[in-house]
Amino acid sequence: MNILHINQSDISGGAAIAAYRLHQGLLAKGIDSKLLVGEVKTSSERVQATPRKQRLENQLFRFTWRLGFNYLNLLGSFDIPQHELYKNADILNFHNLHTGYFNYLAIPSLTERKPAVFTLHDMWSFTGHCAYSYDCDRWKIG
């Protein structure tokens, strides 16, 4: 079984550390595990960077950010199905999908061919983009 973790980083931040520990635990149990991340910090051959179209994404950012469409400029996310790690994966494990490396509109195309698990490290995905709800009321407006 081949697991592909998709996260913002391999070891930078709480969610990244948790994802990396899960990755290491799977490897210890003999399950093939790899990470596709926005920011690579380790030198592990099992960790690779998500595809990016830096120039085009930077140009689009000026418009999408002003309109409140955070992360929609990240077109490289739609190239993940052509990535070797994705092709070899049996299961996808999504971790933090925010922090400027992933376009969440790519999820349907990624999960069309592969089953997926979402590990929720915070409340961002269901609160209207608040990592923790507390006094945040963005869930009312999206």
C-alpha atoms as a PDB file:
ATOM      1  CA  MET A   1       0.000   0.000   0.000  1.00  0.00           C
ATOM      2  CA  ASN A   2       1.305   3.463  -0.954  1.00  0.00           C
ATOM      3  CA  ILE A   3       0.183   6.514   1.025  1.00  0.00           C
ATOM      4  CA  LEU A   4       0.752  10.060  -0.234  1.00  0.00           C
ATOM      5  CA  HIS A   5       0.496  12.849   2.336  1.00  0.00           C
ATOM      6  CA  ILE A   6      -0.225  16.324   0.959  1.00  0.00           C
ATOM      7  CA  ASN A   7       0.694  19.120   3.356  1.00  0.00           C
ATOM      8  CA  GLN A   8       2.115  22.639   3.544  1.00  0.00           C
ATOM      9  CA  SER A   9       5.530  21.456   4.813  1.00  0.00           C
ATOM     10  CA  ASP A  10       7.312  18.294   5.837  1.00  0.00           C
ATOM     11  CA  ILE A  11       8.502  19.441   9.275  1.00  0.00           C
ATOM     12  CA  SER A  12       7.789  23.171   9.670  1.00  0.00           C
ATOM     13  CA  GLY A  13       4.759  23.758  11.908  1.00  0.00           C
ATOM     14  CA  GLY A  14       2.541  21.672  14.151  1.00  0.00           C
ATOM     15  CA  ALA A  15       0.489  20.018  11.402  1.00  0.00           C
ATOM     16  CA  ALA A  16       3.660  19.261   9.463  1.00  0.00           C
ATOM     17  CA  ILE A  17       5.287  17.612  12.458  1.00  0.00           C
ATOM     18  CA  ALA A  18       2.160  15.534  13.080  1.00  0.00           C
ATOM     19  CA  ALA A  19       1.989  14.507   9.413  1.00  0.00           C
ATOM     20  CA  TYR A  20       5.681  13.603   9.396  1.00  0.00           C
ATOM     21  CA  ARG A  21       5.268  11.481  12.528  1.00  0.00           C
ATOM     22  CA  LEU A  22       2.362   9.681  10.872  1.00  0.00           C
ATOM     23  CA  HIS A  23       4.536   9.173   7.779  1.00  0.00           C
ATOM     24  CA  GLN A  24       7.358   7.729   9.910  1.00  0.00           C
ATOM     25  CA  GLY A  25       4.937   5.471  11.791  1.00  0.00           C
ATOM     26  CA  LEU A  26       3.585   4.062   8.533  1.00  0.00           C
ATOM     27  CA  LEU A  27       7.114   3.393   7.298  1.00  0.00           C
ATOM     28  CA  ALA A  28       7.931   1.603  10.569  1.00  0.00           C
ATOM     29  CA  LYS A  29       4.939  -0.685   9.941  1.00  0.00           C
ATOM     30  CA  GLY A  30       6.173  -1.500   6.429  1.00  0.00           C
ATOM     31  CA  ILE A  31       3.687   0.752   4.615  1.00  0.00           C
ATOM     32  CA  ASP A  32       5.116   2.886   1.822  1.00  0.00           C
ATOM     33  CA  SER A  33       4.591   6.553   2.646  1.00  0.00           C
ATOM     34  CA  LYS A  34       5.653   9.733   0.868  1.00  0.00           C
ATOM     35  CA  LEU A  35       4.988  13.458   1.250  1.00  0.00           C
ATOM     36  CA  LEU A  36       4.136  16.060  -1.370  1.00  0.00           C
ATOM     37  CA  VAL A  37       4.516  19.432   0.315  1.00  0.00           C
ATOM     38  CA  GLY A  38       4.557  23.141  -0.414  1.00  0.00           C
ATOM     39  CA  GLU A  39       7.816  23.695   1.468  1.00  0.00           C
ATOM     40  CA  VAL A  40      10.510  21.008   1.696  1.00  0.00           C
ATOM     41  CA  LYS A  41      12.768  21.332   4.750  1.00  0.00           C
ATOM     42  CA  THR A  42      14.265  17.834   5.019  1.00  0.00           C
ATOM     43  CA  SER A  43      16.605  16.053   2.626  1.00  0.00           C
ATOM     44  CA  SER A  44      14.470  12.907   2.594  1.00  0.00           C
ATOM     45  CA  GLU A  45      14.050  11.288  -0.807  1.00  0.00           C
ATOM     46  CA  ARG A  46      10.473  10.488   0.273  1.00  0.00           C
ATOM     47  CA  VAL A  47       9.557  14.197   0.331  1.00  0.00           C
ATOM     48  CA  GLN A  48       9.000  16.287  -2.794  1.00  0.00           C
ATOM     49  CA  ALA A  49       7.593  19.737  -3.519  1.00  0.00           C
ATOM     50  CA  THR A  50       4.142  20.334  -4.972  1.00  0.00           C
ATOM     51  CA  PRO A  51       4.127  21.511  -8.592  1.00  0.00           C
ATOM     52  CA  ARG A  52       4.155  25.288  -8.995  1.00  0.00           C
ATOM     53  CA  LYS A  53       3.645  27.723 -11.853  1.00  0.00           C
ATOM     54  CA  GLN A  54       5.352  30.537  -9.991  1.00  0.00           C
ATOM     55  CA  ARG A  55       5.223  33.307 -12.565  1.00  0.00           C
ATOM     56  CA  LEU A  56       1.580  32.829 -13.545  1.00  0.00           C
ATOM     57  CA  GLU A  57       0.524  32.216  -9.936  1.00  0.00           C
ATOM     58  CA  ASN A  58       2.165  35.464  -8.819  1.00  0.00           C
ATOM     59  CA  GLN A  59       0.354  37.414 -11.538  1.00  0.00           C
ATOM     60  CA  LEU A  60      -3.008  35.868 -10.657  1.00  0.00           C
ATOM     61  CA  PHE A  61      -2.437  36.464  -6.944  1.00  0.00           C
ATOM     62  CA  ARG A  62      -2.892  40.222  -7.350  1.00  0.00           C
ATOM     63  CA  PHE A  63      -6.449  39.683  -8.566  1.00  0.00           C
ATOM     64  CA  THR A  64      -7.609  36.648  -6.612  1.00  0.00           C
ATOM     65  CA  TRP A  65      -6.419  37.984  -3.249  1.00  0.00           C
ATOM     66  CA  ARG A  66      -8.190  41.337  -3.694  1.00  0.00           C
ATOM     67  CA  LEU A  67     -11.417  39.521  -4.520  1.00  0.00           C
ATOM     68  CA  GLY A  68     -11.103  37.297  -1.446  1.00  0.00           C
ATOM     69  CA  PHE A  69     -10.406  34.127  -3.424  1.00  0.00           C
ATOM     70  CA  ASN A  70      -7.461  32.987  -1.343  1.00  0.00           C
ATOM     71  CA  TYR A  71      -5.250  30.306  -2.901  1.00  0.00           C
ATOM     72  CA  LEU A  72      -7.195  30.116  -6.179  1.00  0.00           C
ATOM     73  CA  ASN A  73      -4.119  31.455  -7.968  1.00  0.00           C
ATOM     74  CA  LEU A  74      -2.212  28.250  -7.148  1.00  0.00           C
ATOM     75  CA  LEU A  75      -2.627  26.514 -10.492  1.00  0.00           C
ATOM     76  CA  GLY A  76       0.180  24.013  -9.905  1.00  0.00           C
ATOM     77  CA  SER A  77      -2.196  22.013  -7.683  1.00  0.00           C
ATOM     78  CA  PHE A  78      -3.980  20.866 -10.831  1.00  0.00           C
ATOM     79  CA  ASP A  79      -0.711  19.300 -12.057  1.00  0.00           C
ATOM     80  CA  ILE A  80      -0.483  16.940  -9.088  1.00  0.00           C
ATOM     81  CA  PRO A  81      -2.157  14.054 -11.016  1.00  0.00           C
ATOM     82  CA  GLN A  82       0.849  14.064 -13.382  1.00  0.00           C
ATOM     83  CA  HIS A  83       3.304  13.867 -10.461  1.00  0.00           C
ATOM     84  CA  GLU A  84       5.047  10.521  -9.991  1.00  0.00           C
ATOM     85  CA  LEU A  85       4.188  10.368  -6.271  1.00  0.00           C
ATOM     86  CA  TYR A  86       0.488  10.814  -7.066  1.00  0.00           C
ATOM     87  CA  LYS A  87       0.575   8.202  -9.833  1.00  0.00           C
ATOM     88  CA  ASN A  88       2.071   5.618  -7.467  1.00  0.00           C
ATOM     89  CA  ALA A  89      -0.211   6.403  -4.506  1.00  0.00           C
ATOM     90  CA  ASP A  90      -3.050   4.120  -3.468  1.00  0.00           C
ATOM     91  CA  ILE A  91      -4.457   6.532  -0.867  1.00  0.00           C
ATOM     92  CA  LEU A  92      -4.152  10.298  -0.423  1.00  0.00           C
ATOM     93  CA  ASN A  93      -3.940  11.832   3.039  1.00  0.00           C
ATOM     94  CA  PHE A  94      -4.671  15.571   3.011  1.00  0.00           C
ATOM     95  CA  HIS A  95      -3.390  17.581   5.954  1.00  0.00           C
ATOM     96  CA  ASN A  96      -3.278  21.412   6.106  1.00  0.00           C
ATOM     97  CA  LEU A  97      -4.568  22.596   2.750  1.00  0.00           C
ATOM     98  CA  HIS A  98      -4.128  26.275   3.523  1.00  0.00           C
ATOM     99  CA  THR A  99      -1.030  28.456   3.965  1.00  0.00           C
ATOM    100  CA  GLY A 100      -0.500  29.350   0.333  1.00  0.00           C
ATOM    101  CA  TYR A 101       0.688  26.205  -1.425  1.00  0.00           C
ATOM    102  CA  PHE A 102      -2.508  24.406  -2.520  1.00  0.00           C
ATOM    103  CA  ASN A 103      -5.646  25.274  -4.490  1.00  0.00           C
ATOM    104  CA  TYR A 104      -8.508  23.496  -2.749  1.00  0.00           C
ATOM    105  CA  LEU A 105     -10.502  23.466  -6.001  1.00  0.00           C
ATOM    106  CA  ALA A 106      -8.111  20.709  -7.141  1.00  0.00           C
ATOM    107  CA  ILE A 107      -9.522  18.279  -4.555  1.00  0.00           C
ATOM    108  CA  PRO A 108     -12.272  16.848  -6.830  1.00  0.00           C
ATOM    109  CA  SER A 109      -9.804  16.013  -9.608  1.00  0.00           C
ATOM    110  CA  LEU A 110      -7.367  14.467  -7.118  1.00  0.00           C
ATOM    111  CA  THR A 111      -9.990  12.336  -5.395  1.00  0.00           C
ATOM    112  CA  GLU A 112     -11.687  11.271  -8.617  1.00  0.00           C
ATOM    113  CA  ARG A 113      -9.066   8.544  -9.115  1.00  0.00           C
ATOM    114  CA  LYS A 114      -7.788   7.967  -5.572  1.00  0.00           C
ATOM    115  CA  PRO A 115      -9.509   7.480  -2.220  1.00  0.00           C
ATOM    116  CA  ALA A 116      -8.622  10.174   0.290  1.00  0.00           C
ATOM    117  CA  VAL A 117      -8.465  10.808   4.015  1.00  0.00           C
ATOM    118  CA  PHE A 118      -8.511  14.284   5.557  1.00  0.00           C
ATOM    119  CA  THR A 119      -6.551  14.716   8.775  1.00  0.00           C
ATOM    120  CA  LEU A 120      -7.921  17.888  10.340  1.00  0.00           C
ATOM    121  CA  HIS A 121      -5.237  19.664  12.355  1.00  0.00           C
ATOM    122  CA  ASP A 122      -7.369  22.773  12.809  1.00  0.00           C
ATOM    123  CA  MET A 123     -10.827  24.125  11.942  1.00  0.00           C
ATOM    124  CA  TRP A 124      -9.942  26.020   8.745  1.00  0.00           C
ATOM    125  CA  SER A 125     -11.730  23.710   6.313  1.00  0.00           C
ATOM    126  CA  PHE A 126     -15.132  24.065   7.949  1.00  0.00           C
ATOM    127  CA  THR A 127     -15.159  27.518   9.593  1.00  0.00           C
ATOM    128  CA  GLY A 128     -14.872  29.872   6.631  1.00  0.00           C
ATOM    129  CA  HIS A 129     -11.071  29.937   6.821  1.00  0.00           C
ATOM    130  CA  CYS A 130     -10.521  30.395  10.566  1.00  0.00           C
ATOM    131  CA  ALA A 131      -7.829  28.074  11.910  1.00  0.00           C
ATOM    132  CA  TYR A 132      -9.675  28.154  15.246  1.00  0.00           C
ATOM    133  CA  SER A 133     -13.185  29.539  15.573  1.00  0.00           C
ATOM    134  CA  TYR A 134     -13.054  31.305  18.951  1.00  0.00           C
ATOM    135  CA  ASP A 135     -14.237  34.849  18.100  1.00  0.00           C
ATOM    136  CA  CYS A 136     -14.002  34.297  14.345  1.00  0.00           C
ATOM    137  CA  ASP A 137     -17.339  34.497  12.561  1.00  0.00           C
ATOM    138  CA  ARG A 138     -16.150  34.001   8.973  1.00  0.00           C
ATOM    139  CA  TRP A 139     -18.238  30.812   8.870  1.00  0.00           C
ATOM    140  CA  LYS A 140     -21.199  33.161   8.422  1.00  0.00           C
ATOM    141  CA  ILE A 141     -19.817  34.599   5.193  1.00  0.00           C
ATOM    142  CA  GLY A 142     -17.451  31.868   3.902  1.00  0.00           C
END
